C-alpha atoms as a PDB file:
ATOM      1  CA  MET A   1       0.000   0.000   0.000  1.00  0.00           C
ATOM      2  CA  SER A   2       1.335   3.410  -0.933  1.00  0.00           C
ATOM      3  CA  GLU A   3       1.703   6.261   1.522  1.00  0.00           C
ATOM      4  CA  GLN A   4      -1.115   8.144  -0.231  1.00  0.00           C
ATOM      5  CA  GLU A   5      -3.471   5.149   0.105  1.00  0.00           C
ATOM      6  CA  ALA A   6      -2.599   4.792   3.793  1.00  0.00           C
ATOM      7  CA  THR A   7      -3.329   8.487   4.367  1.00  0.00           C
ATOM      8  CA  MET A   8      -6.689   8.219   2.584  1.00  0.00           C
ATOM      9  CA  ARG A   9      -7.593   5.175   4.679  1.00  0.00           C
ATOM     10  CA  ARG A  10      -6.780   7.068   7.920  1.00  0.00           C
ATOM     11  CA  ILE A  11      -8.891  10.029   6.759  1.00  0.00           C
ATOM     12  CA  GLY A  12     -11.782   7.667   6.016  1.00  0.00           C
ATOM     13  CA  LEU A  13     -11.546   6.054   9.469  1.00  0.00           C
ATOM     14  CA  VAL A  14     -11.480   9.440  11.204  1.00  0.00           C
ATOM     15  CA  ALA A  15     -14.504  10.610   9.183  1.00  0.00           C
ATOM     16  CA  ALA A  16     -16.441   7.427   9.963  1.00  0.00           C
ATOM     17  CA  SER A  17     -15.637   7.791  13.658  1.00  0.00           C
ATOM     18  CA  ALA A  18     -16.781  11.416  13.658  1.00  0.00           C
ATOM     19  CA  LEU A  19     -20.049  10.518  11.916  1.00  0.00           C
ATOM     20  CA  GLY A  20     -20.697   7.763  14.450  1.00  0.00           C
ATOM     21  CA  THR A  21     -20.136  10.198  17.319  1.00  0.00           C
ATOM     22  CA  VAL A  22     -22.551  12.719  15.802  1.00  0.00           C
ATOM     23  CA  ALA A  23     -25.199  10.027  15.250  1.00  0.00           C
ATOM     24  CA  LEU A  24     -24.865   8.858  18.865  1.00  0.00           C
ATOM     25  CA  ALA A  25     -25.179  12.407  20.188  1.00  0.00           C
ATOM     26  CA  LEU A  26     -28.295  13.044  18.105  1.00  0.00           C
ATOM     27  CA  SER A  27     -29.972   9.806  19.184  1.00  0.00           C
ATOM     28  CA  SER A  28     -29.280  10.598  22.846  1.00  0.00           C
ATOM     29  CA  ALA A  29     -30.704  14.092  22.502  1.00  0.00           C
ATOM     30  CA  GLY A  30     -33.881  12.743  20.936  1.00  0.00           C
ATOM     31  CA  SER A  31     -34.606  10.410  23.826  1.00  0.00           C
ATOM     32  CA  ALA A  32     -34.164  13.178  26.393  1.00  0.00           C
ATOM     33  CA  ALA A  33     -36.580  15.565  24.707  1.00  0.00           C
ATOM     34  CA  ALA A  34     -39.889  16.533  26.296  1.00  0.00           C
ATOM     35  CA  ALA A  35     -42.929  14.419  25.612  1.00  0.00           C
ATOM     36  CA  GLU A  36     -45.103  15.534  22.713  1.00  0.00           C
ATOM     37  CA  GLY A  37     -48.812  15.948  23.360  1.00  0.00           C
ATOM     38  CA  THR A  38     -50.787  16.713  26.512  1.00  0.00           C
ATOM     39  CA  LEU A  39     -50.704  15.387  30.058  1.00  0.00           C
ATOM     40  CA  THR A  40     -53.649  16.095  32.369  1.00  0.00           C
ATOM     41  CA  VAL A  41     -52.966  15.733  36.096  1.00  0.00           C
ATOM     42  CA  GLY A  42     -55.973  16.473  38.269  1.00  0.00           C
ATOM     43  CA  LEU A  43     -57.719  19.408  36.615  1.00  0.00           C
ATOM     44  CA  ILE A  44     -54.704  20.935  34.798  1.00  0.00           C
ATOM     45  CA  THR A  45     -53.585  20.037  31.270  1.00  0.00           C
ATOM     46  CA  HIS A  46     -49.919  20.514  30.325  1.00  0.00           C
ATOM     47  CA  THR A  47     -48.814  20.764  26.675  1.00  0.00           C
ATOM     48  CA  ASN A  48     -45.539  19.032  25.694  1.00  0.00           C
ATOM     49  CA  PRO A  49     -44.871  18.221  29.371  1.00  0.00           C
ATOM     50  CA  SER A  50     -41.499  17.522  30.940  1.00  0.00           C
ATOM     51  CA  GLY A  51     -40.753  17.043  34.627  1.00  0.00           C
ATOM     52  CA  CYS A  52     -42.952  16.612  37.683  1.00  0.00           C
ATOM     53  CA  TYR A  53     -46.552  17.759  38.183  1.00  0.00           C
ATOM     54  CA  THR A  54     -48.272  17.758  41.588  1.00  0.00           C
ATOM     55  CA  THR A  55     -52.003  17.916  42.252  1.00  0.00           C
ATOM     56  CA  ASN A  56     -54.153  18.288  45.345  1.00  0.00           C
ATOM     57  CA  ILE A  57     -57.178  16.621  43.748  1.00  0.00           C
ATOM     58  CA  TRP A  58     -58.007  13.104  45.044  1.00  0.00           C
ATOM     59  CA  PRO A  59     -58.409  10.628  43.658  1.00  0.00           C
ATOM     60  CA  MET A  60     -55.702  11.738  41.237  1.00  0.00           C
ATOM     61  CA  PHE A  61     -56.846  11.523  37.613  1.00  0.00           C
ATOM     62  CA  VAL A  62     -54.132  11.282  34.926  1.00  0.00           C
ATOM     63  CA  SER A  63     -54.725  11.387  31.185  1.00  0.00           C
ATOM     64  CA  ASN A  64     -51.519  10.799  29.225  1.00  0.00           C
ATOM     65  CA  ASN A  65     -51.989  11.838  25.596  1.00  0.00           C
ATOM     66  CA  THR A  66     -48.255  11.994  24.877  1.00  0.00           C
ATOM     67  CA  ASN A  67     -45.674   9.747  23.239  1.00  0.00           C
ATOM     68  CA  GLN A  68     -43.950   8.921  26.580  1.00  0.00           C
ATOM     69  CA  VAL A  69     -44.793   6.776  29.614  1.00  0.00           C
ATOM     70  CA  ALA A  70     -45.697   8.801  32.728  1.00  0.00           C
ATOM     71  CA  THR A  71     -45.042   7.615  36.302  1.00  0.00           C
ATOM     72  CA  ALA A  72     -47.345   8.283  39.268  1.00  0.00           C
ATOM     73  CA  PHE A  73     -45.981   8.871  42.780  1.00  0.00           C
ATOM     74  CA  ALA A  74     -47.629   8.656  46.206  1.00  0.00           C
ATOM     75  CA  LEU A  75     -46.185  11.956  47.464  1.00  0.00           C
ATOM     76  CA  PRO A  76     -45.965  15.498  46.048  1.00  0.00           C
ATOM     77  CA  ASN A  77     -42.949  16.545  43.943  1.00  0.00           C
ATOM     78  CA  CYS A  78     -42.509  12.998  42.587  1.00  0.00           C
ATOM     79  CA  GLN A  79     -41.315  11.718  45.946  1.00  0.00           C
ATOM     80  CA  GLY A  80     -42.115   8.505  47.776  1.00  0.00           C
ATOM     81  CA  PRO A  81     -43.059   5.209  46.221  1.00  0.00           C
ATOM     82  CA  ARG A  82     -43.925   4.860  42.569  1.00  0.00           C
ATOM     83  CA  ILE A  83     -47.507   3.704  42.478  1.00  0.00           C
ATOM     84  CA  GLY A  84     -48.050   3.133  38.787  1.00  0.00           C
ATOM     85  CA  GLN A  85     -47.381   4.033  35.187  1.00  0.00           C
ATOM     86  CA  ILE A  86     -49.617   5.564  32.556  1.00  0.00           C
ATOM     87  CA  ALA A  87     -48.926   4.409  29.009  1.00  0.00           C
ATOM     88  CA  PRO A  88     -49.109   6.826  26.083  1.00  0.00           C
ATOM     89  CA  ASN A  89     -52.720   7.566  25.089  1.00  0.00           C
ATOM     90  CA  ALA A  90     -54.113   6.071  28.297  1.00  0.00           C
ATOM     91  CA  SER A  91     -55.815   7.338  31.465  1.00  0.00           C
ATOM     92  CA  LYS A  92     -55.779   6.092  35.067  1.00  0.00           C
ATOM     93  CA  VAL A  93     -57.137   7.066  38.449  1.00  0.00           C
ATOM     94  CA  PHE A  94     -54.944   6.726  41.560  1.00  0.00           C
ATOM     95  CA  GLU A  95     -56.787   6.822  44.874  1.00  0.00           C
ATOM     96  CA  PHE A  96     -53.725   7.942  46.836  1.00  0.00           C
ATOM     97  CA  GLY A  97     -51.569   9.554  44.127  1.00  0.00           C
ATOM     98  CA  SER A  98     -50.140  13.052  44.452  1.00  0.00           C
ATOM     99  CA  SER A  99     -47.774  13.652  41.527  1.00  0.00           C
ATOM    100  CA  VAL A 100     -46.732  12.476  38.064  1.00  0.00           C
ATOM    101  CA  SER A 101     -43.409  12.639  36.247  1.00  0.00           C
ATOM    102  CA  ILE A 102     -42.758  12.435  32.538  1.00  0.00           C
ATOM    103  CA  PRO A 103     -39.427  12.690  30.677  1.00  0.00           C
END
């Protein structure tokens, strides 16, 4: 193999490595993005929700019309035991729930 061919091969490997790194970064960013749609917790509807939502309405009603799974917690501010999950495009009632988190 000539020196020119070896140089071209190294350039190709570096480019492929860089493209792989960019693809990995983009796929990670996509999974950390806010949910798309609406999440109703108690009487309040949140558009494109992300984070934790607390309610003082019992039983706690949750309607998850997003593309992410939501998690219900027994205590406010998404503390205490996890008491259930709400799939995308589903609704649930939690007798003793206080808050819901969604990525």
